[in-house]
Amino acid sequence: MAASVRAISERIQLVDFVLEIRDARIPLSSEYELLRKFPPLPSKRILVLNKMELADPLELNKWMDYFEQRNYLSYAVNSHNKECVKQSQVRELHKSGHSGHTTTMMLLGIPNVGKSALANSLHQIGRISAAEKGKLKHTTVSPQPGDTKDIMSLKIGSHPNVYVLDTPGIFPPSLLDAEICSKLALTGAIPDDIVGETKLARFFLTILNSSHEYKKWEKLCKSQDFTESLSNEISTSYVQRKRQYPTDHTQDFIVYDVRRVLYETISAFDGDLDDDISMGNLIETQFAALRTVLRVTEEASEFADLRVASKILNLYRTGRLGHYTLEHVSASEKS
């Protein structure tokens, strides 16, 4: 990490733009704190809230307003969607006062926030007009944090030349706040085993149970509507997959069952969700119900819960269980 910090500090003073990539679900906890330690930047700093497709759109708009009020130039993007990157106009930044000569942009951010995916999308968009079409390299994208080891330069445009520098994700030397650590782990910025998959799944269920997202699944509790949803959204070939892979939790019919069970358990709960013990009891009920719908076979409770937790985390991280922003703009922050 020390070598990466040195390499970044040597180059950051030479680039035209610095794009700080944050996770739209945790706009504060995903801050690249090392930027504070660098000397004042001669380049323009742009804030990019990535993974917008996984965040609550209403909360995301509030955060965009929050940063605008603080004079940040900011964009919200889905780095895996090239059309979204096009519409965000991130790729047009080089035209702002730098037309006519080579422009370099540096991407900075914590691990697994989407820097490499954004670099590739910018690269693929740029290839359309690049003289070296078909010869440009790509950066590796991985769901695991920390896979980018070195600074990599990608050409994203020609006439004038435009380059983007993809950098390794770096955390500050220590993460002392347990809540921030949990948010980073839940969103995939740090490995699950640092907090534990079961704890992370319980953390997510606490967020879900305290939100209104589950109310969108009310129709799944009505058998007629549920049947219609299946007939409309699952093709014949998919029904065949249902029979072939009954433990594949990503199939639509299992995801619908998971949503239905979560809706039913929350709706039937008459305790106080603000009470930790009551919330814990609800989550225990949910884990027991989820073992059935996720086809987790009878085994020791600890291992069954771990398998349930792994599947629930996957569904959350792929947006199958709704859209959540884990940090909110408070009244004091708005002022």
Protein backbone atom coordinates (compact mmCIF):
# COMPACT_ATOMS: atom_id res chain seq x y z
CA MET A 1 0.00 0.00 0.00
CA ALA A 2 2.85 2.39 0.82
CA ALA A 3 4.27 1.92 -2.69
CA SER A 4 0.87 2.68 -4.23
CA VAL A 5 0.52 5.85 -2.14
CA ARG A 6 3.97 7.04 -3.28
CA ALA A 7 3.18 6.32 -6.92
CA ILE A 8 -0.12 8.19 -6.72
CA SER A 9 1.41 11.18 -4.89
CA GLU A 10 4.10 11.48 -7.57
CA ARG A 11 1.62 11.54 -10.46
CA ILE A 12 -1.37 13.33 -8.98
CA GLN A 13 0.24 16.76 -9.36
CA LEU A 14 0.69 16.15 -13.10
CA VAL A 15 -2.86 15.20 -14.14
CA ASP A 16 -5.57 17.53 -15.44
CA PHE A 17 -8.49 15.98 -13.54
CA VAL A 18 -8.86 13.88 -10.42
CA LEU A 19 -12.01 11.76 -10.33
CA GLU A 20 -12.77 10.58 -6.81
CA ILE A 21 -15.02 7.53 -7.11
CA ARG A 22 -17.38 6.86 -4.21
CA ASP A 23 -20.14 4.33 -3.62
CA ALA A 24 -23.54 6.02 -4.05
CA ARG A 25 -24.91 3.87 -1.20
CA ILE A 26 -22.35 5.23 1.29
CA PRO A 27 -21.26 8.66 0.00
CA LEU A 28 -19.44 9.59 3.22
CA SER A 29 -17.97 6.28 4.35
CA SER A 30 -16.51 5.66 0.88
CA GLU A 31 -14.59 8.93 0.86
CA TYR A 32 -10.99 8.63 -0.34
CA GLU A 33 -9.45 10.08 2.81
CA LEU A 34 -5.90 10.05 1.49
CA LEU A 35 -6.79 13.00 -0.74
CA ARG A 36 -6.69 15.11 2.40
CA LYS A 37 -3.03 14.21 2.92
CA PHE A 38 -1.88 15.29 -0.54
CA PRO A 39 -0.82 18.91 -1.21
CA PRO A 40 -3.50 21.17 -2.73
CA LEU A 41 -4.27 19.84 -6.19
CA PRO A 42 -3.55 22.02 -9.24
CA SER A 43 -6.04 19.85 -11.12
CA LYS A 44 -9.82 19.92 -11.03
CA ARG A 45 -11.45 17.46 -8.62
CA ILE A 46 -14.67 15.71 -9.65
CA LEU A 47 -16.80 13.49 -7.43
CA VAL A 48 -18.33 10.41 -9.08
CA LEU A 49 -21.03 8.53 -7.18
CA ASN A 50 -20.85 5.07 -8.69
CA LYS A 51 -23.25 2.12 -8.34
CA MET A 52 -26.22 4.46 -8.60
CA GLU A 53 -28.33 1.52 -9.82
CA LEU A 54 -28.08 -0.02 -6.32
CA ALA A 55 -28.90 3.14 -4.36
CA ASP A 56 -32.26 4.64 -3.40
CA PRO A 57 -32.87 7.19 -6.20
CA LEU A 58 -34.57 9.70 -3.89
CA GLU A 59 -31.69 9.58 -1.41
CA LEU A 60 -29.19 9.80 -4.25
CA ASN A 61 -30.81 13.04 -5.45
CA LYS A 62 -30.49 14.45 -1.94
CA TRP A 63 -26.80 13.61 -1.90
CA MET A 64 -26.28 15.20 -5.31
CA ASP A 65 -27.89 18.38 -3.98
CA TYR A 66 -25.74 18.15 -0.85
CA PHE A 67 -22.51 18.05 -2.83
CA GLU A 68 -23.68 20.73 -5.25
CA GLN A 69 -24.33 23.06 -2.31
CA ARG A 70 -20.73 22.50 -1.27
CA ASN A 71 -19.45 23.41 -4.75
CA TYR A 72 -18.48 19.90 -5.80
CA LEU A 73 -18.71 19.02 -9.47
CA SER A 74 -20.38 15.62 -9.18
CA TYR A 75 -21.90 12.88 -11.33
CA ALA A 76 -23.89 9.75 -10.54
CA VAL A 77 -23.10 6.75 -12.75
CA ASN A 78 -23.49 3.03 -13.23
CA SER A 79 -19.97 2.22 -14.35
CA HIS A 80 -21.03 -1.07 -15.96
CA ASN A 81 -23.51 0.74 -18.23
CA LYS A 82 -21.73 2.48 -21.09
CA GLU A 83 -24.83 4.48 -22.03
CA CYS A 84 -25.08 5.75 -18.46
CA VAL A 85 -21.43 6.80 -18.53
CA LYS A 86 -22.04 8.57 -21.84
CA GLN A 87 -25.03 10.47 -20.46
CA SER A 88 -23.13 11.48 -17.32
CA GLN A 89 -20.72 13.41 -19.58
CA VAL A 90 -17.75 12.26 -17.48
CA ARG A 91 -15.98 11.45 -20.74
CA GLU A 92 -16.48 15.06 -21.90
CA LEU A 93 -14.50 16.56 -19.02
CA HIS A 94 -11.37 16.91 -21.14
CA LYS A 95 -13.18 19.50 -23.25
CA SER A 96 -13.45 21.88 -20.30
CA GLY A 97 -10.55 24.24 -20.80
CA HIS A 98 -8.18 21.54 -22.06
CA SER A 99 -9.11 21.16 -25.72
CA GLY A 100 -6.29 20.90 -28.17
CA HIS A 101 -3.71 19.05 -26.07
CA THR A 102 -3.27 15.76 -24.27
CA THR A 103 -5.46 15.39 -21.19
CA THR A 104 -4.98 12.95 -18.31
CA MET A 105 -7.57 11.96 -15.70
CA MET A 106 -6.73 10.00 -12.54
CA LEU A 107 -9.32 7.76 -10.88
CA LEU A 108 -9.02 7.52 -7.10
CA GLY A 109 -11.11 5.62 -4.60
CA ILE A 110 -11.30 2.92 -1.95
CA PRO A 111 -11.17 -0.76 -3.01
CA ASN A 112 -14.01 -2.24 -5.09
CA VAL A 113 -15.80 1.06 -5.61
CA GLY A 114 -15.83 0.63 -9.39
CA LYS A 115 -12.74 2.49 -10.62
CA SER A 116 -11.65 -0.23 -13.03
CA ALA A 117 -15.18 -0.74 -14.35
CA LEU A 118 -15.49 3.01 -15.01
CA ALA A 119 -12.06 3.08 -16.64
CA ASN A 120 -13.10 0.26 -18.97
CA SER A 121 -16.39 1.94 -19.86
CA LEU A 122 -14.60 5.21 -20.66
CA HIS A 123 -12.06 3.21 -22.63
CA GLN A 124 -14.71 1.35 -24.64
CA ILE A 125 -16.59 4.55 -25.43
CA GLY A 126 -13.35 6.19 -26.52
CA ARG A 127 -12.38 3.31 -28.77
CA ILE A 128 -15.05 4.35 -31.26
CA SER A 129 -12.98 7.33 -32.37
CA ALA A 130 -9.50 6.17 -31.39
CA ALA A 131 -6.95 5.75 -34.17
CA GLU A 132 -5.67 2.66 -32.38
CA LYS A 133 -9.07 0.97 -32.45
CA GLY A 134 -8.73 -2.72 -31.63
CA LYS A 135 -5.27 -2.29 -30.10
CA LEU A 136 -6.14 -0.63 -26.80
CA LYS A 137 -5.75 -2.60 -23.60
CA HIS A 138 -8.27 -3.18 -20.81
CA THR A 139 -8.00 -3.14 -17.03
CA THR A 140 -9.12 -6.10 -14.93
CA VAL A 141 -12.47 -5.82 -13.15
CA SER A 142 -13.11 -8.07 -10.14
CA PRO A 143 -15.86 -8.29 -7.50
CA GLN A 144 -13.12 -8.84 -4.92
CA PRO A 145 -11.58 -5.74 -3.31
CA GLY A 146 -7.90 -5.05 -3.87
CA ASP A 147 -7.35 -6.73 -7.26
CA THR A 148 -5.88 -3.62 -8.92
CA LYS A 149 -2.22 -3.61 -7.86
CA ASP A 150 -0.57 -0.97 -10.05
CA ILE A 151 -1.42 2.30 -11.77
CA MET A 152 -2.62 1.52 -15.29
CA SER A 153 -2.94 4.01 -18.15
CA LEU A 154 -5.79 3.61 -20.65
CA LYS A 155 -6.29 5.73 -23.74
CA ILE A 156 -9.91 6.82 -24.12
CA GLY A 157 -9.69 9.26 -26.99
CA SER A 158 -7.62 10.72 -29.80
CA HIS A 159 -7.28 14.14 -31.44
CA PRO A 160 -6.55 15.31 -28.79
CA ASN A 161 -5.26 12.34 -26.84
CA VAL A 162 -7.09 11.59 -23.60
CA TYR A 163 -5.82 9.15 -20.99
CA VAL A 164 -7.31 7.80 -17.79
CA LEU A 165 -5.14 6.43 -14.96
CA ASP A 166 -6.72 3.57 -13.02
CA THR A 167 -5.19 3.32 -9.53
CA PRO A 168 -5.24 0.71 -6.74
CA GLY A 169 -7.92 1.16 -4.12
CA ILE A 170 -6.47 2.38 -0.84
CA PHE A 171 -7.90 2.70 2.67
CA PRO A 172 -6.48 4.86 5.46
CA PRO A 173 -4.07 2.93 7.73
CA SER A 174 -6.82 2.11 10.24
CA LEU A 175 -10.61 1.83 10.29
CA LEU A 176 -11.66 2.37 13.88
CA ASP A 177 -15.39 3.02 13.46
CA ALA A 178 -17.31 -0.29 13.65
CA GLU A 179 -20.38 1.10 11.85
CA ILE A 180 -18.31 2.44 8.95
CA CYS A 181 -16.49 -0.88 8.75
CA SER A 182 -19.83 -2.71 8.57
CA LYS A 183 -21.06 -0.43 5.77
CA LEU A 184 -17.85 -0.93 3.81
CA ALA A 185 -18.10 -4.70 4.21
CA LEU A 186 -21.79 -4.83 3.31
CA THR A 187 -21.16 -2.91 0.08
CA GLY A 188 -18.17 -5.11 -0.77
CA ALA A 189 -15.32 -2.67 -0.20
CA ILE A 190 -13.61 -4.96 2.31
CA PRO A 191 -13.70 -8.78 2.50
CA ASP A 192 -16.73 -10.35 4.18
CA ASP A 193 -14.65 -12.36 6.61
CA ILE A 194 -13.44 -9.21 8.38
CA VAL A 195 -16.95 -8.74 9.79
CA GLY A 196 -18.46 -12.16 9.03
CA GLU A 197 -21.13 -13.06 6.48
CA THR A 198 -23.81 -13.88 9.06
CA LYS A 199 -23.29 -10.56 10.87
CA LEU A 200 -23.40 -8.71 7.55
CA ALA A 201 -26.64 -10.43 6.52
CA ARG A 202 -28.17 -9.51 9.88
CA PHE A 203 -27.00 -5.95 9.35
CA PHE A 204 -28.69 -5.88 5.94
CA LEU A 205 -31.93 -7.35 7.34
CA THR A 206 -31.91 -4.65 10.02
CA ILE A 207 -31.73 -2.03 7.24
CA LEU A 208 -34.45 -3.77 5.22
CA ASN A 209 -36.76 -4.20 8.22
CA SER A 210 -36.41 -0.49 9.08
CA SER A 211 -37.16 0.68 5.53
CA HIS A 212 -40.26 0.80 3.34
CA GLU A 213 -38.67 -1.14 0.51
CA TYR A 214 -40.38 -4.38 1.49
CA LYS A 215 -43.83 -2.84 0.94
CA LYS A 216 -43.21 -3.03 -2.80
CA TRP A 217 -43.50 -6.82 -2.50
CA GLU A 218 -47.04 -6.87 -1.11
CA LYS A 219 -48.48 -8.36 -4.30
CA LEU A 220 -46.30 -11.44 -3.90
CA CYS A 221 -48.40 -12.46 -0.92
CA LYS A 222 -51.47 -12.76 -3.11
CA SER A 223 -51.31 -16.12 -4.83
CA GLN A 224 -53.09 -14.91 -7.97
CA ASP A 225 -50.74 -11.98 -8.46
CA PHE A 226 -47.77 -14.20 -7.72
CA THR A 227 -48.86 -16.72 -10.34
CA GLU A 228 -49.37 -13.94 -12.89
CA SER A 229 -45.92 -12.55 -12.12
CA LEU A 230 -44.38 -15.94 -12.75
CA SER A 231 -46.26 -16.48 -16.01
CA ASN A 232 -45.35 -13.02 -17.26
CA GLU A 233 -41.71 -12.90 -16.21
CA ILE A 234 -40.45 -16.47 -16.42
CA SER A 235 -40.15 -18.13 -19.80
CA THR A 236 -40.69 -21.83 -20.41
CA SER A 237 -36.95 -22.41 -20.53
CA TYR A 238 -36.58 -20.70 -17.19
CA VAL A 239 -39.21 -22.93 -15.63
CA GLN A 240 -37.14 -25.85 -16.89
CA ARG A 241 -34.13 -24.37 -15.11
CA LYS A 242 -36.25 -24.20 -11.97
CA ARG A 243 -36.56 -27.97 -12.04
CA GLN A 244 -32.95 -28.45 -13.03
CA TYR A 245 -31.31 -26.11 -10.48
CA PRO A 246 -33.58 -25.96 -7.42
CA THR A 247 -30.80 -24.52 -5.22
CA ASP A 248 -29.82 -21.66 -7.56
CA HIS A 249 -30.97 -18.71 -5.45
CA THR A 250 -30.61 -16.26 -8.35
CA GLN A 251 -33.56 -17.75 -10.28
CA ASP A 252 -36.58 -15.47 -10.39
CA PHE A 253 -38.97 -17.89 -8.70
CA ILE A 254 -36.64 -18.20 -5.68
CA VAL A 255 -36.05 -14.44 -5.52
CA TYR A 256 -39.85 -13.93 -5.52
CA ASP A 257 -40.15 -16.43 -2.65
CA VAL A 258 -37.44 -14.62 -0.68
CA ARG A 259 -39.21 -11.28 -1.14
CA ARG A 260 -42.55 -12.81 -0.18
CA VAL A 261 -41.15 -14.36 3.01
CA LEU A 262 -39.45 -11.13 4.02
CA TYR A 263 -42.65 -9.17 3.41
CA GLU A 264 -44.74 -11.63 5.41
CA THR A 265 -42.37 -11.76 8.39
CA ILE A 266 -42.07 -7.97 8.63
CA SER A 267 -45.81 -7.39 8.17
CA ALA A 268 -46.70 -9.97 10.82
CA PHE A 269 -44.24 -8.59 13.34
CA ASP A 270 -45.91 -6.62 16.15
CA GLY A 271 -42.82 -5.73 18.17
CA ASP A 272 -40.81 -2.53 18.38
CA LEU A 273 -38.31 -2.34 15.53
CA ASP A 274 -36.37 0.31 17.44
CA ASP A 275 -35.69 -2.22 20.19
CA ASP A 276 -32.55 -4.26 19.54
CA ILE A 277 -33.92 -7.41 21.17
CA SER A 278 -37.16 -7.25 19.17
CA MET A 279 -35.25 -6.64 15.95
CA GLY A 280 -33.03 -9.60 16.75
CA ASN A 281 -36.06 -11.82 17.28
CA LEU A 282 -37.52 -10.77 13.92
CA ILE A 283 -34.23 -11.52 12.16
CA GLU A 284 -34.09 -14.98 13.77
CA THR A 285 -37.59 -15.64 12.43
CA GLN A 286 -36.51 -14.48 8.99
CA PHE A 287 -33.42 -16.68 8.95
CA ALA A 288 -35.53 -19.72 9.84
CA ALA A 289 -38.04 -18.96 7.07
CA LEU A 290 -35.31 -18.22 4.53
CA ARG A 291 -33.70 -21.62 5.04
CA THR A 292 -36.79 -23.17 3.47
CA VAL A 293 -37.19 -20.87 0.46
CA LEU A 294 -33.44 -20.88 -0.25
CA ARG A 295 -33.41 -24.68 -0.19
CA VAL A 296 -30.83 -24.88 2.60
CA THR A 297 -30.82 -28.48 3.75
CA GLU A 298 -31.13 -29.47 7.39
CA GLU A 299 -27.77 -29.16 9.05
CA ALA A 300 -26.20 -27.53 12.08
CA SER A 301 -27.82 -24.14 12.63
CA GLU A 302 -24.50 -22.26 12.40
CA PHE A 303 -23.70 -23.63 8.93
CA ALA A 304 -27.29 -23.22 7.72
CA ASP A 305 -27.26 -19.57 8.76
CA LEU A 306 -23.94 -19.06 6.97
CA ARG A 307 -25.35 -20.43 3.71
CA VAL A 308 -28.49 -18.29 4.05
CA ALA A 309 -26.34 -15.24 4.80
CA SER A 310 -24.16 -15.80 1.73
CA LYS A 311 -27.18 -16.03 -0.57
CA ILE A 312 -28.92 -12.99 0.95
CA LEU A 313 -25.77 -10.88 0.62
CA ASN A 314 -25.46 -11.86 -3.03
CA LEU A 315 -29.08 -10.89 -3.73
CA TYR A 316 -28.63 -7.56 -1.93
CA ARG A 317 -25.41 -6.71 -3.76
CA THR A 318 -26.93 -7.43 -7.15
CA GLY A 319 -30.00 -5.27 -6.46
CA ARG A 320 -32.46 -8.19 -6.33
CA LEU A 321 -33.75 -7.18 -2.89
CA GLY A 322 -34.27 -3.49 -3.54
CA HIS A 323 -32.30 -0.26 -3.57
CA TYR A 324 -30.82 1.13 -0.37
CA THR A 325 -28.75 4.13 0.62
CA LEU A 326 -27.08 3.41 3.94
CA GLU A 327 -26.26 7.04 4.74
CA HIS A 328 -28.72 9.91 4.75
CA VAL A 329 -28.43 13.66 4.45
CA SER A 330 -29.53 14.88 7.86
CA ALA A 331 -31.16 18.24 8.55
CA SER A 332 -27.93 19.55 10.03
CA GLU A 333 -25.94 18.52 6.92
CA LYS A 334 -28.41 20.28 4.63
CA SER A 335 -27.93 23.59 6.39
